[in-house]
Amino acid sequence: MDKSNVKEAYMFPTSKKEVEALGWDYIDVILFTGDAFVDHPSFGTACIARWLQKWGWR
């Protein structure tokens, strides 16, 4: 799976429209949490999402 050309998201998409705006035709991983998504290192979901994105997952 070549992930070298994956466009990184500044903010993670939360709708189909946002996924299409990034030019993505599919999503590799969907994270579910009962908490609000806060993109900060003290929040586990944000850490997991950024780590996955770093390695080319969408």
PDB file of N, CA and C in Angstrom:
ATOM      1  N   MET A   1       0.847  -1.170   0.000  1.00  0.00           N
ATOM      2  CA  MET A   1       0.000   0.000   0.000  1.00  0.00           C
ATOM      3  C   MET A   1       0.899   1.242   0.000  1.00  0.00           C
ATOM      4  N   ASP A   2       0.940   1.983  -1.104  1.00  0.00           N
ATOM      5  CA  ASP A   2       1.764   3.184  -1.211  1.00  0.00           C
ATOM      6  C   ASP A   2       1.001   4.375  -0.658  1.00  0.00           C
ATOM      7  N   LYS A   3       1.498   4.913   0.435  1.00  0.00           N
ATOM      8  CA  LYS A   3       0.827   6.040   1.084  1.00  0.00           C
ATOM      9  C   LYS A   3       1.589   7.344   0.870  1.00  0.00           C
ATOM     10  N   SER A   4       2.578   7.361  -0.028  1.00  0.00           N
ATOM     11  CA  SER A   4       3.438   8.524  -0.193  1.00  0.00           C
ATOM     12  C   SER A   4       2.715   9.740  -0.768  1.00  0.00           C
ATOM     13  N   ASN A   5       1.611   9.539  -1.452  1.00  0.00           N
ATOM     14  CA  ASN A   5       0.907  10.663  -2.064  1.00  0.00           C
ATOM     15  C   ASN A   5      -0.376  11.045  -1.334  1.00  0.00           C
ATOM     16  N   VAL A   6      -0.515  10.643  -0.083  1.00  0.00           N
ATOM     17  CA  VAL A   6      -1.709  10.967   0.698  1.00  0.00           C
ATOM     18  C   VAL A   6      -1.624  12.415   1.166  1.00  0.00           C
ATOM     19  N   LYS A   7      -2.647  13.190   0.852  1.00  0.00           N
ATOM     20  CA  LYS A   7      -2.710  14.581   1.293  1.00  0.00           C
ATOM     21  C   LYS A   7      -3.066  14.601   2.777  1.00  0.00           C
ATOM     22  N   GLU A   8      -2.221  15.264   3.587  1.00  0.00           N
ATOM     23  CA  GLU A   8      -2.484  15.333   5.023  1.00  0.00           C
ATOM     24  C   GLU A   8      -3.571  16.355   5.316  1.00  0.00           C
ATOM     25  N   ALA A   9      -4.391  16.022   6.269  1.00  0.00           N
ATOM     26  CA  ALA A   9      -5.463  16.922   6.684  1.00  0.00           C
ATOM     27  C   ALA A   9      -4.978  17.802   7.829  1.00  0.00           C
ATOM     28  N   TYR A  10      -5.219  19.110   7.730  1.00  0.00           N
ATOM     29  CA  TYR A  10      -4.922  19.998   8.848  1.00  0.00           C
ATOM     30  C   TYR A  10      -5.893  19.685   9.983  1.00  0.00           C
ATOM     31  N   MET A  11      -7.159  19.586   9.628  1.00  0.00           N
ATOM     32  CA  MET A  11      -8.191  19.132  10.559  1.00  0.00           C
ATOM     33  C   MET A  11      -8.754  17.846   9.981  1.00  0.00           C
ATOM     34  N   PHE A  12      -9.025  16.889  10.806  1.00  0.00           N
ATOM     35  CA  PHE A  12      -9.544  15.620  10.310  1.00  0.00           C
ATOM     36  C   PHE A  12     -10.978  15.794   9.813  1.00  0.00           C
ATOM     37  N   PRO A  13     -11.308  15.159   8.686  1.00  0.00           N
ATOM     38  CA  PRO A  13     -12.651  15.325   8.124  1.00  0.00           C
ATOM     39  C   PRO A  13     -13.717  14.666   8.998  1.00  0.00           C
ATOM     40  N   THR A  14     -14.872  15.312   9.050  1.00  0.00           N
ATOM     41  CA  THR A  14     -15.984  14.774   9.838  1.00  0.00           C
ATOM     42  C   THR A  14     -17.227  14.552   8.987  1.00  0.00           C
ATOM     43  N   SER A  15     -17.096  14.751   7.677  1.00  0.00           N
ATOM     44  CA  SER A  15     -18.227  14.529   6.777  1.00  0.00           C
ATOM     45  C   SER A  15     -17.716  14.078   5.414  1.00  0.00           C
ATOM     46  N   LYS A  16     -18.618  13.541   4.613  1.00  0.00           N
ATOM     47  CA  LYS A  16     -18.260  13.109   3.256  1.00  0.00           C
ATOM     48  C   LYS A  16     -17.753  14.293   2.432  1.00  0.00           C
ATOM     49  N   LYS A  17     -18.366  15.435   2.604  1.00  0.00           N
ATOM     50  CA  LYS A  17     -17.966  16.642   1.873  1.00  0.00           C
ATOM     51  C   LYS A  17     -16.514  17.024   2.200  1.00  0.00           C
ATOM     52  N   GLU A  18     -16.135  16.925   3.457  1.00  0.00           N
ATOM     53  CA  GLU A  18     -14.768  17.249   3.865  1.00  0.00           C
ATOM     54  C   GLU A  18     -13.770  16.223   3.330  1.00  0.00           C
ATOM     55  N   VAL A  19     -14.169  14.953   3.274  1.00  0.00           N
ATOM     56  CA  VAL A  19     -13.314  13.902   2.704  1.00  0.00           C
ATOM     57  C   VAL A  19     -13.073  14.197   1.226  1.00  0.00           C
ATOM     58  N   GLU A  20     -14.121  14.545   0.503  1.00  0.00           N
ATOM     59  CA  GLU A  20     -14.001  14.862  -0.923  1.00  0.00           C
ATOM     60  C   GLU A  20     -13.142  16.102  -1.149  1.00  0.00           C
ATOM     61  N   ALA A  21     -13.234  17.094  -0.257  1.00  0.00           N
ATOM     62  CA  ALA A  21     -12.429  18.313  -0.387  1.00  0.00           C
ATOM     63  C   ALA A  21     -10.935  18.011  -0.271  1.00  0.00           C
ATOM     64  N   LEU A  22     -10.592  16.971   0.479  1.00  0.00           N
ATOM     65  CA  LEU A  22      -9.193  16.556   0.601  1.00  0.00           C
ATOM     66  C   LEU A  22      -8.731  15.746  -0.608  1.00  0.00           C
ATOM     67  N   GLY A  23      -9.677  15.373  -1.450  1.00  0.00           N
ATOM     68  CA  GLY A  23      -9.335  14.568  -2.619  1.00  0.00           C
ATOM     69  C   GLY A  23      -9.191  13.090  -2.315  1.00  0.00           C
ATOM     70  N   TRP A  24      -9.700  12.674  -1.163  1.00  0.00           N
ATOM     71  CA  TRP A  24      -9.619  11.267  -0.771  1.00  0.00           C
ATOM     72  C   TRP A  24     -10.801  10.519  -1.379  1.00  0.00           C
ATOM     73  N   ASP A  25     -10.552   9.302  -1.864  1.00  0.00           N
ATOM     74  CA  ASP A  25     -11.655   8.493  -2.388  1.00  0.00           C
ATOM     75  C   ASP A  25     -12.094   7.418  -1.399  1.00  0.00           C
ATOM     76  N   TYR A  26     -11.356   7.274  -0.313  1.00  0.00           N
ATOM     77  CA  TYR A  26     -11.731   6.332   0.743  1.00  0.00           C
ATOM     78  C   TYR A  26     -11.027   6.719   2.037  1.00  0.00           C
ATOM     79  N   ILE A  27     -11.452   6.117   3.129  1.00  0.00           N
ATOM     80  CA  ILE A  27     -10.855   6.339   4.446  1.00  0.00           C
ATOM     81  C   ILE A  27     -10.354   4.995   4.957  1.00  0.00           C
ATOM     82  N   ASP A  28      -9.127   4.972   5.485  1.00  0.00           N
ATOM     83  CA  ASP A  28      -8.549   3.734   6.011  1.00  0.00           C
ATOM     84  C   ASP A  28      -9.053   3.403   7.417  1.00  0.00           C
ATOM     85  N   VAL A  29      -9.157   4.411   8.260  1.00  0.00           N
ATOM     86  CA  VAL A  29      -9.469   4.201   9.678  1.00  0.00           C
ATOM     87  C   VAL A  29     -10.515   5.218  10.122  1.00  0.00           C
ATOM     88  N   ILE A  30     -11.495   4.759  10.878  1.00  0.00           N
ATOM     89  CA  ILE A  30     -12.466   5.659  11.505  1.00  0.00           C
ATOM     90  C   ILE A  30     -12.358   5.450  13.010  1.00  0.00           C
ATOM     91  N   LEU A  31     -12.089   6.523  13.726  1.00  0.00           N
ATOM     92  CA  LEU A  31     -11.963   6.455  15.182  1.00  0.00           C
ATOM     93  C   LEU A  31     -13.261   6.951  15.820  1.00  0.00           C
ATOM     94  N   PHE A  32     -13.770   6.178  16.754  1.00  0.00           N
ATOM     95  CA  PHE A  32     -14.969   6.552  17.500  1.00  0.00           C
ATOM     96  C   PHE A  32     -14.572   6.811  18.944  1.00  0.00           C
ATOM     97  N   THR A  33     -15.118   7.868  19.517  1.00  0.00           N
ATOM     98  CA  THR A  33     -14.867   8.176  20.912  1.00  0.00           C
ATOM     99  C   THR A  33     -16.112   8.839  21.501  1.00  0.00           C
ATOM    100  N   GLY A  34     -16.281   8.710  22.778  1.00  0.00           N
ATOM    101  CA  GLY A  34     -17.387   9.370  23.460  1.00  0.00           C
ATOM    102  C   GLY A  34     -17.039  10.781  23.877  1.00  0.00           C
ATOM    103  N   ASP A  35     -15.778  11.150  23.694  1.00  0.00           N
ATOM    104  CA  ASP A  35     -15.310  12.482  24.072  1.00  0.00           C
ATOM    105  C   ASP A  35     -15.326  13.422  22.872  1.00  0.00           C
ATOM    106  N   ALA A  36     -15.276  14.701  23.154  1.00  0.00           N
ATOM    107  CA  ALA A  36     -15.089  15.680  22.081  1.00  0.00           C
ATOM    108  C   ALA A  36     -13.684  15.498  21.520  1.00  0.00           C
ATOM    109  N   PHE A  37     -13.518  15.710  20.214  1.00  0.00           N
ATOM    110  CA  PHE A  37     -12.186  15.585  19.625  1.00  0.00           C
ATOM    111  C   PHE A  37     -11.440  16.892  19.831  1.00  0.00           C
ATOM    112  N   VAL A  38     -10.370  16.821  20.603  1.00  0.00           N
ATOM    113  CA  VAL A  38      -9.500  17.966  20.835  1.00  0.00           C
ATOM    114  C   VAL A  38      -8.127  17.568  20.329  1.00  0.00           C
ATOM    115  N   ASP A  39      -7.610  18.307  19.348  1.00  0.00           N
ATOM    116  CA  ASP A  39      -6.326  17.972  18.728  1.00  0.00           C
ATOM    117  C   ASP A  39      -5.188  18.479  19.613  1.00  0.00           C
ATOM    118  N   HIS A  40      -4.956  17.750  20.695  1.00  0.00           N
ATOM    119  CA  HIS A  40      -3.937  18.109  21.684  1.00  0.00           C
ATOM    120  C   HIS A  40      -3.306  16.827  22.205  1.00  0.00           C
ATOM    121  N   PRO A  41      -2.001  16.840  22.478  1.00  0.00           N
ATOM    122  CA  PRO A  41      -1.312  15.618  22.908  1.00  0.00           C
ATOM    123  C   PRO A  41      -1.836  14.978  24.193  1.00  0.00           C
ATOM    124  N   SER A  42      -2.621  15.696  24.975  1.00  0.00           N
ATOM    125  CA  SER A  42      -3.142  15.092  26.198  1.00  0.00           C
ATOM    126  C   SER A  42      -4.407  14.273  25.951  1.00  0.00           C
ATOM    127  N   PHE A  43      -4.883  14.247  24.706  1.00  0.00           N
ATOM    128  CA  PHE A  43      -6.074  13.484  24.347  1.00  0.00           C
ATOM    129  C   PHE A  43      -5.672  12.293  23.491  1.00  0.00           C
ATOM    130  N   GLY A  44      -5.989  11.094  23.958  1.00  0.00           N
ATOM    131  CA  GLY A  44      -5.558   9.864  23.303  1.00  0.00           C
ATOM    132  C   GLY A  44      -6.009   9.723  21.865  1.00  0.00           C
ATOM    133  N   THR A  45      -7.253  10.079  21.576  1.00  0.00           N
ATOM    134  CA  THR A  45      -7.760   9.938  20.211  1.00  0.00           C
ATOM    135  C   THR A  45      -6.970  10.818  19.249  1.00  0.00           C
ATOM    136  N   ALA A  46      -6.636  12.018  19.672  1.00  0.00           N
ATOM    137  CA  ALA A  46      -5.849  12.916  18.824  1.00  0.00           C
ATOM    138  C   ALA A  46      -4.457  12.350  18.584  1.00  0.00           C
ATOM    139  N   CYS A  47      -3.847  11.785  19.606  1.00  0.00           N
ATOM    140  CA  CYS A  47      -2.513  11.178  19.451  1.00  0.00           C
ATOM    141  C   CYS A  47      -2.556  10.023  18.461  1.00  0.00           C
ATOM    142  N   ILE A  48      -3.550   9.171  18.592  1.00  0.00           N
ATOM    143  CA  ILE A  48      -3.690   8.030  17.677  1.00  0.00           C
ATOM    144  C   ILE A  48      -3.931   8.523  16.252  1.00  0.00           C
ATOM    145  N   ALA A  49      -4.816   9.497  16.079  1.00  0.00           N
ATOM    146  CA  ALA A  49      -5.135  10.020  14.748  1.00  0.00           C
ATOM    147  C   ALA A  49      -3.910  10.631  14.083  1.00  0.00           C
ATOM    148  N   ARG A  50      -3.154  11.443  14.817  1.00  0.00           N
ATOM    149  CA  ARG A  50      -1.961  12.079  14.234  1.00  0.00           C
ATOM    150  C   ARG A  50      -0.877  11.043  13.933  1.00  0.00           C
ATOM    151  N   TRP A  51      -0.732  10.029  14.783  1.00  0.00           N
ATOM    152  CA  TRP A  51       0.261   8.979  14.533  1.00  0.00           C
ATOM    153  C   TRP A  51      -0.098   8.213  13.267  1.00  0.00           C
ATOM    154  N   LEU A  52      -1.364   7.849  13.121  1.00  0.00           N
ATOM    155  CA  LEU A  52      -1.806   7.146  11.914  1.00  0.00           C
ATOM    156  C   LEU A  52      -1.581   8.008  10.675  1.00  0.00           C
ATOM    157  N   GLN A  53      -1.901   9.290  10.776  1.00  0.00           N
ATOM    158  CA  GLN A  53      -1.724  10.191   9.636  1.00  0.00           C
ATOM    159  C   GLN A  53      -0.246  10.313   9.265  1.00  0.00           C
ATOM    160  N   LYS A  54       0.612  10.363  10.268  1.00  0.00           N
ATOM    161  CA  LYS A  54       2.056  10.460  10.021  1.00  0.00           C
ATOM    162  C   LYS A  54       2.547   9.293   9.170  1.00  0.00           C
ATOM    163  N   TRP A  55       1.973   8.119   9.366  1.00  0.00           N
ATOM    164  CA  TRP A  55       2.385   6.923   8.640  1.00  0.00           C
ATOM    165  C   TRP A  55       1.571   6.691   7.364  1.00  0.00           C
ATOM    166  N   GLY A  56       0.795   7.699   6.962  1.00  0.00           N
ATOM    167  CA  GLY A  56       0.131   7.646   5.663  1.00  0.00           C
ATOM    168  C   GLY A  56      -1.286   7.119   5.654  1.00  0.00           C
ATOM    169  N   TRP A  57      -1.817   6.817   6.820  1.00  0.00           N
ATOM    170  CA  TRP A  57      -3.209   6.347   6.877  1.00  0.00           C
ATOM    171  C   TRP A  57      -4.138   7.538   6.834  1.00  0.00           C
ATOM    172  N   ARG A  58      -5.318   7.326   6.297  1.00  0.00           N
ATOM    173  CA  ARG A  58      -6.306   8.408   6.226  1.00  0.00           C
ATOM    174  C   ARG A  58      -7.421   8.129   7.200  1.00  0.00           C
TER     175      ARG A  58
END
